[in-house]
Amino acid sequence: MSVDAATVRKIAMLSRIAITDEEVPPLVGELNQILDWVEQLGEVDTDGVMPMTSVADITAPLRTDAITDGQKEAAVLHNAPDAREGHFTVPKVVE
C-alpha cells in the first residue's frame, strides 16, 4: 500500500491538522516508510509465540473475590443527615 498527496491531504483534513503544500511531499515519504515497516512486521513468523501483556514476566497479586460489607457502616453513616437501621434516609420526592 502506498500513500499519495491526495491521501495525505485527506488524512490531514480528517485529523483536523492544517498542512501547507510544502509539507505534503515529505509527509508522503514518511507515511510510506511507516506503512512499509508495518508490512515488514507482517512477514515475521510468530507461530508458537505466546501473546504478552508486558515485557516483564510478572503477575499481579489477586485478592479473593469475596463479598463483604466493609465493616465501615458507622463511618459511612457518620455524616449522614438522617440514618435509620443502618441505611441513609432521604425525603420522599414523588407523590
PDB file of N, CA and C in Angstrom:
ATOM      1  N   MET A   1       0.845  -1.178   0.000  1.00  0.00           N
ATOM      2  CA  MET A   1       0.000   0.000   0.000  1.00  0.00           C
ATOM      3  C   MET A   1       0.887   1.236   0.000  1.00  0.00           C
ATOM      4  N   SER A   2       0.520   2.201  -0.803  1.00  0.00           N
ATOM      5  CA  SER A   2       1.287   3.441  -0.820  1.00  0.00           C
ATOM      6  C   SER A   2       0.326   4.622  -0.687  1.00  0.00           C
ATOM      7  N   VAL A   3       0.879   5.691  -0.201  1.00  0.00           N
ATOM      8  CA  VAL A   3       0.111   6.904   0.054  1.00  0.00           C
ATOM      9  C   VAL A   3       0.527   7.956  -0.963  1.00  0.00           C
ATOM     10  N   ASP A   4      -0.451   8.671  -1.519  1.00  0.00           N
ATOM     11  CA  ASP A   4      -0.131   9.763  -2.435  1.00  0.00           C
ATOM     12  C   ASP A   4      -0.513  11.093  -1.781  1.00  0.00           C
ATOM     13  N   ALA A   5      -0.282  12.179  -2.496  1.00  0.00           N
ATOM     14  CA  ALA A   5      -0.513  13.519  -1.941  1.00  0.00           C
ATOM     15  C   ALA A   5      -1.986  13.735  -1.599  1.00  0.00           C
ATOM     16  N   ALA A   6      -2.881  13.216  -2.427  1.00  0.00           N
ATOM     17  CA  ALA A   6      -4.310  13.383  -2.156  1.00  0.00           C
ATOM     18  C   ALA A   6      -4.706  12.674  -0.862  1.00  0.00           C
ATOM     19  N   THR A   7      -4.125  11.509  -0.635  1.00  0.00           N
ATOM     20  CA  THR A   7      -4.419  10.765   0.588  1.00  0.00           C
ATOM     21  C   THR A   7      -3.898  11.502   1.810  1.00  0.00           C
ATOM     22  N   VAL A   8      -2.716  12.092   1.701  1.00  0.00           N
ATOM     23  CA  VAL A   8      -2.154  12.856   2.811  1.00  0.00           C
ATOM     24  C   VAL A   8      -3.050  14.048   3.128  1.00  0.00           C
ATOM     25  N   ARG A   9      -3.521  14.722   2.112  1.00  0.00           N
ATOM     26  CA  ARG A   9      -4.407  15.874   2.337  1.00  0.00           C
ATOM     27  C   ARG A   9      -5.723  15.432   2.994  1.00  0.00           C
ATOM     28  N   LYS A  10      -6.253  14.289   2.561  1.00  0.00           N
ATOM     29  CA  LYS A  10      -7.496  13.782   3.137  1.00  0.00           C
ATOM     30  C   LYS A  10      -7.285  13.380   4.603  1.00  0.00           C
ATOM     31  N   ILE A  11      -6.171  12.716   4.900  1.00  0.00           N
ATOM     32  CA  ILE A  11      -5.864  12.340   6.284  1.00  0.00           C
ATOM     33  C   ILE A  11      -5.734  13.584   7.149  1.00  0.00           C
ATOM     34  N   ALA A  12      -5.061  14.603   6.628  1.00  0.00           N
ATOM     35  CA  ALA A  12      -4.898  15.854   7.379  1.00  0.00           C
ATOM     36  C   ALA A  12      -6.249  16.515   7.619  1.00  0.00           C
ATOM     37  N   MET A  13      -7.118  16.490   6.623  1.00  0.00           N
ATOM     38  CA  MET A  13      -8.434  17.094   6.777  1.00  0.00           C
ATOM     39  C   MET A  13      -9.251  16.331   7.814  1.00  0.00           C
ATOM     40  N   LEU A  14      -9.241  15.008   7.747  1.00  0.00           N
ATOM     41  CA  LEU A  14      -9.992  14.201   8.706  1.00  0.00           C
ATOM     42  C   LEU A  14      -9.439  14.338  10.122  1.00  0.00           C
ATOM     43  N   SER A  15      -8.138  14.576  10.220  1.00  0.00           N
ATOM     44  CA  SER A  15      -7.492  14.746  11.521  1.00  0.00           C
ATOM     45  C   SER A  15      -7.568  16.170  12.021  1.00  0.00           C
ATOM     46  N   ARG A  16      -8.102  17.052  11.209  1.00  0.00           N
ATOM     47  CA  ARG A  16      -8.179  18.475  11.538  1.00  0.00           C
ATOM     48  C   ARG A  16      -6.793  19.059  11.794  1.00  0.00           C
ATOM     49  N   ILE A  17      -5.849  18.664  10.933  1.00  0.00           N
ATOM     50  CA  ILE A  17      -4.481  19.163  11.005  1.00  0.00           C
ATOM     51  C   ILE A  17      -4.246  20.039   9.781  1.00  0.00           C
ATOM     52  N   ALA A  18      -3.827  21.257  10.013  1.00  0.00           N
ATOM     53  CA  ALA A  18      -3.557  22.165   8.904  1.00  0.00           C
ATOM     54  C   ALA A  18      -2.146  21.907   8.379  1.00  0.00           C
ATOM     55  N   ILE A  19      -2.046  21.607   7.087  1.00  0.00           N
ATOM     56  CA  ILE A  19      -0.730  21.415   6.467  1.00  0.00           C
ATOM     57  C   ILE A  19      -0.657  22.290   5.224  1.00  0.00           C
ATOM     58  N   THR A  20       0.551  22.712   4.919  1.00  0.00           N
ATOM     59  CA  THR A  20       0.767  23.531   3.725  1.00  0.00           C
ATOM     60  C   THR A  20       1.145  22.622   2.564  1.00  0.00           C
ATOM     61  N   ASP A  21       1.142  23.191   1.363  1.00  0.00           N
ATOM     62  CA  ASP A  21       1.521  22.413   0.178  1.00  0.00           C
ATOM     63  C   ASP A  21       2.971  21.955   0.251  1.00  0.00           C
ATOM     64  N   GLU A  22       3.828  22.723   0.938  1.00  0.00           N
ATOM     65  CA  GLU A  22       5.234  22.348   1.056  1.00  0.00           C
ATOM     66  C   GLU A  22       5.427  21.162   2.007  1.00  0.00           C
ATOM     67  N   GLU A  23       4.498  20.953   2.916  1.00  0.00           N
ATOM     68  CA  GLU A  23       4.619  19.862   3.885  1.00  0.00           C
ATOM     69  C   GLU A  23       4.136  18.526   3.339  1.00  0.00           C
ATOM     70  N   VAL A  24       3.385  18.542   2.256  1.00  0.00           N
ATOM     71  CA  VAL A  24       2.789  17.315   1.728  1.00  0.00           C
ATOM     72  C   VAL A  24       3.830  16.318   1.219  1.00  0.00           C
ATOM     73  N   PRO A  25       4.785  16.699   0.355  1.00  0.00           N
ATOM     74  CA  PRO A  25       5.728  15.691  -0.159  1.00  0.00           C
ATOM     75  C   PRO A  25       6.542  14.975   0.937  1.00  0.00           C
ATOM     76  N   PRO A  26       7.074  15.687   1.943  1.00  0.00           N
ATOM     77  CA  PRO A  26       7.778  14.941   2.993  1.00  0.00           C
ATOM     78  C   PRO A  26       6.851  13.991   3.756  1.00  0.00           C
ATOM     79  N   LEU A  27       5.597  14.394   3.967  1.00  0.00           N
ATOM     80  CA  LEU A  27       4.658  13.523   4.674  1.00  0.00           C
ATOM     81  C   LEU A  27       4.327  12.275   3.868  1.00  0.00           C
ATOM     82  N   VAL A  28       4.259  12.423   2.538  1.00  0.00           N
ATOM     83  CA  VAL A  28       4.017  11.259   1.681  1.00  0.00           C
ATOM     84  C   VAL A  28       5.126  10.232   1.893  1.00  0.00           C
ATOM     85  N   GLY A  29       6.380  10.700   1.874  1.00  0.00           N
ATOM     86  CA  GLY A  29       7.510   9.793   2.064  1.00  0.00           C
ATOM     87  C   GLY A  29       7.513   9.158   3.443  1.00  0.00           C
ATOM     88  N   GLU A  30       7.236   9.959   4.482  1.00  0.00           N
ATOM     89  CA  GLU A  30       7.246   9.429   5.842  1.00  0.00           C
ATOM     90  C   GLU A  30       6.144   8.393   6.048  1.00  0.00           C
ATOM     91  N   LEU A  31       4.941   8.697   5.561  1.00  0.00           N
ATOM     92  CA  LEU A  31       3.847   7.736   5.723  1.00  0.00           C
ATOM     93  C   LEU A  31       4.105   6.453   4.947  1.00  0.00           C
ATOM     94  N   ASN A  32       4.700   6.556   3.763  1.00  0.00           N
ATOM     95  CA  ASN A  32       5.034   5.354   3.006  1.00  0.00           C
ATOM     96  C   ASN A  32       6.084   4.517   3.725  1.00  0.00           C
ATOM     97  N   GLN A  33       7.063   5.162   4.365  1.00  0.00           N
ATOM     98  CA  GLN A  33       8.058   4.423   5.144  1.00  0.00           C
ATOM     99  C   GLN A  33       7.408   3.706   6.321  1.00  0.00           C
ATOM    100  N   ILE A  34       6.474   4.375   6.989  1.00  0.00           N
ATOM    101  CA  ILE A  34       5.781   3.748   8.120  1.00  0.00           C
ATOM    102  C   ILE A  34       4.987   2.541   7.649  1.00  0.00           C
ATOM    103  N   LEU A  35       4.273   2.684   6.527  1.00  0.00           N
ATOM    104  CA  LEU A  35       3.488   1.566   6.015  1.00  0.00           C
ATOM    105  C   LEU A  35       4.375   0.411   5.562  1.00  0.00           C
ATOM    106  N   ASP A  36       5.532   0.712   4.979  1.00  0.00           N
ATOM    107  CA  ASP A  36       6.480  -0.349   4.600  1.00  0.00           C
ATOM    108  C   ASP A  36       6.954  -1.102   5.838  1.00  0.00           C
ATOM    109  N   TRP A  37       7.226  -0.375   6.914  1.00  0.00           N
ATOM    110  CA  TRP A  37       7.687  -1.003   8.155  1.00  0.00           C
ATOM    111  C   TRP A  37       6.600  -1.914   8.727  1.00  0.00           C
ATOM    112  N   VAL A  38       5.337  -1.451   8.677  1.00  0.00           N
ATOM    113  CA  VAL A  38       4.230  -2.270   9.168  1.00  0.00           C
ATOM    114  C   VAL A  38       4.101  -3.533   8.331  1.00  0.00           C
ATOM    115  N   GLU A  39       4.297  -3.430   7.024  1.00  0.00           N
ATOM    116  CA  GLU A  39       4.246  -4.609   6.162  1.00  0.00           C
ATOM    117  C   GLU A  39       5.375  -5.585   6.512  1.00  0.00           C
ATOM    118  N   GLN A  40       6.547  -5.068   6.869  1.00  0.00           N
ATOM    119  CA  GLN A  40       7.656  -5.936   7.296  1.00  0.00           C
ATOM    120  C   GLN A  40       7.283  -6.685   8.566  1.00  0.00           C
ATOM    121  N   LEU A  41       6.576  -6.049   9.481  1.00  0.00           N
ATOM    122  CA  LEU A  41       6.157  -6.720  10.707  1.00  0.00           C
ATOM    123  C   LEU A  41       5.226  -7.888  10.394  1.00  0.00           C
ATOM    124  N   GLY A  42       4.413  -7.754   9.350  1.00  0.00           N
ATOM    125  CA  GLY A  42       3.512  -8.827   8.964  1.00  0.00           C
ATOM    126  C   GLY A  42       4.242 -10.049   8.443  1.00  0.00           C
ATOM    127  N   GLU A  43       5.483  -9.889   8.002  1.00  0.00           N
ATOM    128  CA  GLU A  43       6.257 -11.005   7.475  1.00  0.00           C
ATOM    129  C   GLU A  43       6.962 -11.811   8.561  1.00  0.00           C
ATOM    130  N   VAL A  44       6.972 -11.318   9.781  1.00  0.00           N
ATOM    131  CA  VAL A  44       7.656 -12.008  10.875  1.00  0.00           C
ATOM    132  C   VAL A  44       6.868 -13.249  11.262  1.00  0.00           C
ATOM    133  N   ASP A  45       7.581 -14.378  11.422  1.00  0.00           N
ATOM    134  CA  ASP A  45       6.953 -15.633  11.820  1.00  0.00           C
ATOM    135  C   ASP A  45       6.710 -15.606  13.328  1.00  0.00           C
ATOM    136  N   THR A  46       5.449 -15.580  13.721  1.00  0.00           N
ATOM    137  CA  THR A  46       5.107 -15.531  15.145  1.00  0.00           C
ATOM    138  C   THR A  46       4.428 -16.810  15.612  1.00  0.00           C
ATOM    139  N   ASP A  47       4.524 -17.873  14.820  1.00  0.00           N
ATOM    140  CA  ASP A  47       3.941 -19.150  15.243  1.00  0.00           C
ATOM    141  C   ASP A  47       4.643 -19.638  16.498  1.00  0.00           C
ATOM    142  N   GLY A  48       3.868 -20.033  17.474  1.00  0.00           N
ATOM    143  CA  GLY A  48       4.426 -20.559  18.717  1.00  0.00           C
ATOM    144  C   GLY A  48       4.838 -19.490  19.707  1.00  0.00           C
ATOM    145  N   VAL A  49       4.654 -18.229  19.373  1.00  0.00           N
ATOM    146  CA  VAL A  49       4.998 -17.151  20.295  1.00  0.00           C
ATOM    147  C   VAL A  49       3.744 -16.785  21.076  1.00  0.00           C
ATOM    148  N   MET A  50       3.847 -16.865  22.389  1.00  0.00           N
ATOM    149  CA  MET A  50       2.699 -16.558  23.243  1.00  0.00           C
ATOM    150  C   MET A  50       2.486 -15.039  23.290  1.00  0.00           C
ATOM    151  N   PRO A  51       1.238 -14.601  23.230  1.00  0.00           N
ATOM    152  CA  PRO A  51       0.970 -13.173  23.379  1.00  0.00           C
ATOM    153  C   PRO A  51       1.391 -12.711  24.768  1.00  0.00           C
ATOM    154  N   MET A  52       1.861 -11.480  24.856  1.00  0.00           N
ATOM    155  CA  MET A  52       2.281 -10.984  26.161  1.00  0.00           C
ATOM    156  C   MET A  52       1.662  -9.615  26.414  1.00  0.00           C
ATOM    157  N   THR A  53       1.467  -9.325  27.690  1.00  0.00           N
ATOM    158  CA  THR A  53       0.884  -8.048  28.070  1.00  0.00           C
ATOM    159  C   THR A  53       1.935  -7.102  28.615  1.00  0.00           C
ATOM    160  N   SER A  54       3.124  -7.619  28.872  1.00  0.00           N
ATOM    161  CA  SER A  54       4.190  -6.795  29.430  1.00  0.00           C
ATOM    162  C   SER A  54       5.530  -7.418  29.049  1.00  0.00           C
ATOM    163  N   VAL A  55       6.574  -6.602  29.023  1.00  0.00           N
ATOM    164  CA  VAL A  55       7.893  -7.138  28.730  1.00  0.00           C
ATOM    165  C   VAL A  55       8.482  -7.843  29.943  1.00  0.00           C
ATOM    166  N   ALA A  56       7.969  -7.529  31.126  1.00  0.00           N
ATOM    167  CA  ALA A  56       8.425  -8.179  32.351  1.00  0.00           C
ATOM    168  C   ALA A  56       7.492  -9.354  32.648  1.00  0.00           C
ATOM    169  N   ASP A  57       8.079 -10.478  33.014  1.00  0.00           N
ATOM    170  CA  ASP A  57       7.294 -11.673  33.301  1.00  0.00           C
ATOM    171  C   ASP A  57       6.828 -11.631  34.756  1.00  0.00           C
ATOM    172  N   ILE A  58       5.798 -10.823  35.006  1.00  0.00           N
ATOM    173  CA  ILE A  58       5.270 -10.692  36.358  1.00  0.00           C
ATOM    174  C   ILE A  58       3.756 -10.838  36.313  1.00  0.00           C
ATOM    175  N   THR A  59       3.203 -11.233  37.423  1.00  0.00           N
ATOM    176  CA  THR A  59       1.754 -11.302  37.539  1.00  0.00           C
ATOM    177  C   THR A  59       1.337 -10.483  38.747  1.00  0.00           C
ATOM    178  N   ALA A  60       0.210  -9.862  38.637  1.00  0.00           N
ATOM    179  CA  ALA A  60      -0.292  -9.046  39.730  1.00  0.00           C
ATOM    180  C   ALA A  60      -0.932  -9.945  40.778  1.00  0.00           C
ATOM    181  N   PRO A  61      -0.673  -9.675  42.048  1.00  0.00           N
ATOM    182  CA  PRO A  61      -1.317 -10.487  43.086  1.00  0.00           C
ATOM    183  C   PRO A  61      -2.815 -10.203  43.098  1.00  0.00           C
ATOM    184  N   LEU A  62      -3.601 -11.236  43.182  1.00  0.00           N
ATOM    185  CA  LEU A  62      -5.040 -11.090  43.155  1.00  0.00           C
ATOM    186  C   LEU A  62      -5.604 -11.332  44.546  1.00  0.00           C
ATOM    187  N   ARG A  63      -6.583 -10.544  44.918  1.00  0.00           N
ATOM    188  CA  ARG A  63      -7.256 -10.765  46.194  1.00  0.00           C
ATOM    189  C   ARG A  63      -8.399 -11.735  45.957  1.00  0.00           C
ATOM    190  N   THR A  64      -8.869 -12.338  47.032  1.00  0.00           N
ATOM    191  CA  THR A  64     -10.001 -13.242  46.889  1.00  0.00           C
ATOM    192  C   THR A  64     -11.244 -12.428  46.557  1.00  0.00           C
ATOM    193  N   ASP A  65     -12.081 -12.970  45.745  1.00  0.00           N
ATOM    194  CA  ASP A  65     -13.298 -12.296  45.323  1.00  0.00           C
ATOM    195  C   ASP A  65     -14.404 -12.647  46.311  1.00  0.00           C
ATOM    196  N   ALA A  66     -14.427 -11.938  47.435  1.00  0.00           N
ATOM    197  CA  ALA A  66     -15.401 -12.216  48.482  1.00  0.00           C
ATOM    198  C   ALA A  66     -16.261 -10.989  48.719  1.00  0.00           C
ATOM    199  N   ILE A  67     -17.525 -11.228  48.948  1.00  0.00           N
ATOM    200  CA  ILE A  67     -18.451 -10.135  49.210  1.00  0.00           C
ATOM    201  C   ILE A  67     -18.421  -9.827  50.697  1.00  0.00           C
ATOM    202  N   THR A  68     -18.157  -8.567  51.015  1.00  0.00           N
ATOM    203  CA  THR A  68     -18.182  -8.127  52.414  1.00  0.00           C
ATOM    204  C   THR A  68     -18.907  -6.799  52.493  1.00  0.00           C
ATOM    205  N   ASP A  69     -19.302  -6.422  53.690  1.00  0.00           N
ATOM    206  CA  ASP A  69     -19.947  -5.124  53.855  1.00  0.00           C
ATOM    207  C   ASP A  69     -18.918  -4.050  54.165  1.00  0.00           C
ATOM    208  N   GLY A  70     -17.677  -4.398  54.273  1.00  0.00           N
ATOM    209  CA  GLY A  70     -16.605  -3.451  54.505  1.00  0.00           C
ATOM    210  C   GLY A  70     -16.376  -3.128  55.962  1.00  0.00           C
ATOM    211  N   GLN A  71     -17.255  -3.545  56.833  1.00  0.00           N
ATOM    212  CA  GLN A  71     -17.155  -3.295  58.262  1.00  0.00           C
ATOM    213  C   GLN A  71     -16.942  -1.811  58.555  1.00  0.00           C
ATOM    214  N   LYS A  72     -17.550  -0.930  57.789  1.00  0.00           N
ATOM    215  CA  LYS A  72     -17.388   0.510  57.982  1.00  0.00           C
ATOM    216  C   LYS A  72     -18.740   1.215  58.008  1.00  0.00           C
ATOM    217  N   GLU A  73     -19.772   0.504  58.432  1.00  0.00           N
ATOM    218  CA  GLU A  73     -21.108   1.084  58.425  1.00  0.00           C
ATOM    219  C   GLU A  73     -21.179   2.356  59.254  1.00  0.00           C
ATOM    220  N   ALA A  74     -20.622   2.356  60.444  1.00  0.00           N
ATOM    221  CA  ALA A  74     -20.682   3.534  61.321  1.00  0.00           C
ATOM    222  C   ALA A  74     -19.938   4.714  60.695  1.00  0.00           C
ATOM    223  N   ALA A  75     -18.778   4.460  60.090  1.00  0.00           N
ATOM    224  CA  ALA A  75     -18.006   5.544  59.481  1.00  0.00           C
ATOM    225  C   ALA A  75     -18.730   6.114  58.261  1.00  0.00           C
ATOM    226  N   VAL A  76     -19.383   5.260  57.492  1.00  0.00           N
ATOM    227  CA  VAL A  76     -20.091   5.710  56.307  1.00  0.00           C
ATOM    228  C   VAL A  76     -21.301   6.555  56.689  1.00  0.00           C
ATOM    229  N   LEU A  77     -22.030   6.133  57.703  1.00  0.00           N
ATOM    230  CA  LEU A  77     -23.254   6.830  58.095  1.00  0.00           C
ATOM    231  C   LEU A  77     -23.004   7.982  59.063  1.00  0.00           C
ATOM    232  N   HIS A  78     -21.759   8.190  59.479  1.00  0.00           N
ATOM    233  CA  HIS A  78     -21.430   9.207  60.472  1.00  0.00           C
ATOM    234  C   HIS A  78     -21.878  10.607  60.040  1.00  0.00           C
ATOM    235  N   ASN A  79     -21.692  10.991  58.802  1.00  0.00           N
ATOM    236  CA  ASN A  79     -22.038  12.329  58.324  1.00  0.00           C
ATOM    237  C   ASN A  79     -23.405  12.400  57.654  1.00  0.00           C
ATOM    238  N   ALA A  80     -24.150  11.318  57.678  1.00  0.00           N
ATOM    239  CA  ALA A  80     -25.469  11.330  57.048  1.00  0.00           C
ATOM    240  C   ALA A  80     -26.407  12.230  57.838  1.00  0.00           C
ATOM    241  N   PRO A  81     -27.196  13.073  57.169  1.00  0.00           N
ATOM    242  CA  PRO A  81     -28.131  13.929  57.895  1.00  0.00           C
ATOM    243  C   PRO A  81     -29.207  13.117  58.620  1.00  0.00           C
ATOM    244  N   ASP A  82     -29.585  11.981  58.046  1.00  0.00           N
ATOM    245  CA  ASP A  82     -30.583  11.128  58.691  1.00  0.00           C
ATOM    246  C   ASP A  82     -30.296   9.690  58.297  1.00  0.00           C
ATOM    247  N   ALA A  83     -30.068   8.848  59.274  1.00  0.00           N
ATOM    248  CA  ALA A  83     -29.797   7.437  59.019  1.00  0.00           C
ATOM    249  C   ALA A  83     -30.615   6.610  59.993  1.00  0.00           C
ATOM    250  N   ARG A  84     -31.241   5.557  59.479  1.00  0.00           N
ATOM    251  CA  ARG A  84     -32.048   4.680  60.327  1.00  0.00           C
ATOM    252  C   ARG A  84     -31.752   3.229  59.958  1.00  0.00           C
ATOM    253  N   GLU A  85     -31.556   2.427  60.963  1.00  0.00           N
ATOM    254  CA  GLU A  85     -31.354   0.985  60.802  1.00  0.00           C
ATOM    255  C   GLU A  85     -30.235   0.668  59.813  1.00  0.00           C
ATOM    256  N   GLY A  86     -29.166   1.463  59.842  1.00  0.00           N
ATOM    257  CA  GLY A  86     -28.006   1.197  59.002  1.00  0.00           C
ATOM    258  C   GLY A  86     -28.143   1.629  57.559  1.00  0.00           C
ATOM    259  N   HIS A  87     -29.102   2.506  57.269  1.00  0.00           N
ATOM    260  CA  HIS A  87     -29.328   2.970  55.897  1.00  0.00           C
ATOM    261  C   HIS A  87     -29.470   4.483  55.875  1.00  0.00           C
ATOM    262  N   PHE A  88     -29.172   5.100  54.737  1.00  0.00           N
ATOM    263  CA  PHE A  88     -29.431   6.518  54.547  1.00  0.00           C
ATOM    264  C   PHE A  88     -30.933   6.713  54.451  1.00  0.00           C
ATOM    265  N   THR A  89     -31.430   7.758  55.050  1.00  0.00           N
ATOM    266  CA  THR A  89     -32.841   8.093  54.947  1.00  0.00           C
ATOM    267  C   THR A  89     -32.961   9.378  54.148  1.00  0.00           C
ATOM    268  N   VAL A  90     -33.793   9.350  53.110  1.00  0.00           N
ATOM    269  CA  VAL A  90     -33.954  10.525  52.260  1.00  0.00           C
ATOM    270  C   VAL A  90     -35.425  10.914  52.242  1.00  0.00           C
ATOM    271  N   PRO A  91     -35.704  12.203  52.029  1.00  0.00           N
ATOM    272  CA  PRO A  91     -37.101  12.622  51.996  1.00  0.00           C
ATOM    273  C   PRO A  91     -37.811  12.089  50.748  1.00  0.00           C
ATOM    274  N   LYS A  92     -39.093  11.888  50.873  1.00  0.00           N
ATOM    275  CA  LYS A  92     -39.911  11.422  49.764  1.00  0.00           C
ATOM    276  C   LYS A  92     -39.985  12.541  48.725  1.00  0.00           C
ATOM    277  N   VAL A  93     -39.740  12.219  47.464  1.00  0.00           N
ATOM    278  CA  VAL A  93     -39.745  13.235  46.406  1.00  0.00           C
ATOM    279  C   VAL A  93     -40.854  13.011  45.391  1.00  0.00           C
ATOM    280  N   VAL A  94     -41.492  11.853  45.406  1.00  0.00           N
ATOM    281  CA  VAL A  94     -42.544  11.541  44.463  1.00  0.00           C
ATOM    282  C   VAL A  94     -43.822  11.248  45.242  1.00  0.00           C
ATOM    283  N   GLU A  95     -44.896  11.844  44.821  1.00  0.00           N
ATOM    284  CA  GLU A  95     -46.194  11.637  45.494  1.00  0.00           C
ATOM    285  C   GLU A  95     -46.891  10.436  44.912  1.00  0.00           C
TER     286      GLU A  95
END
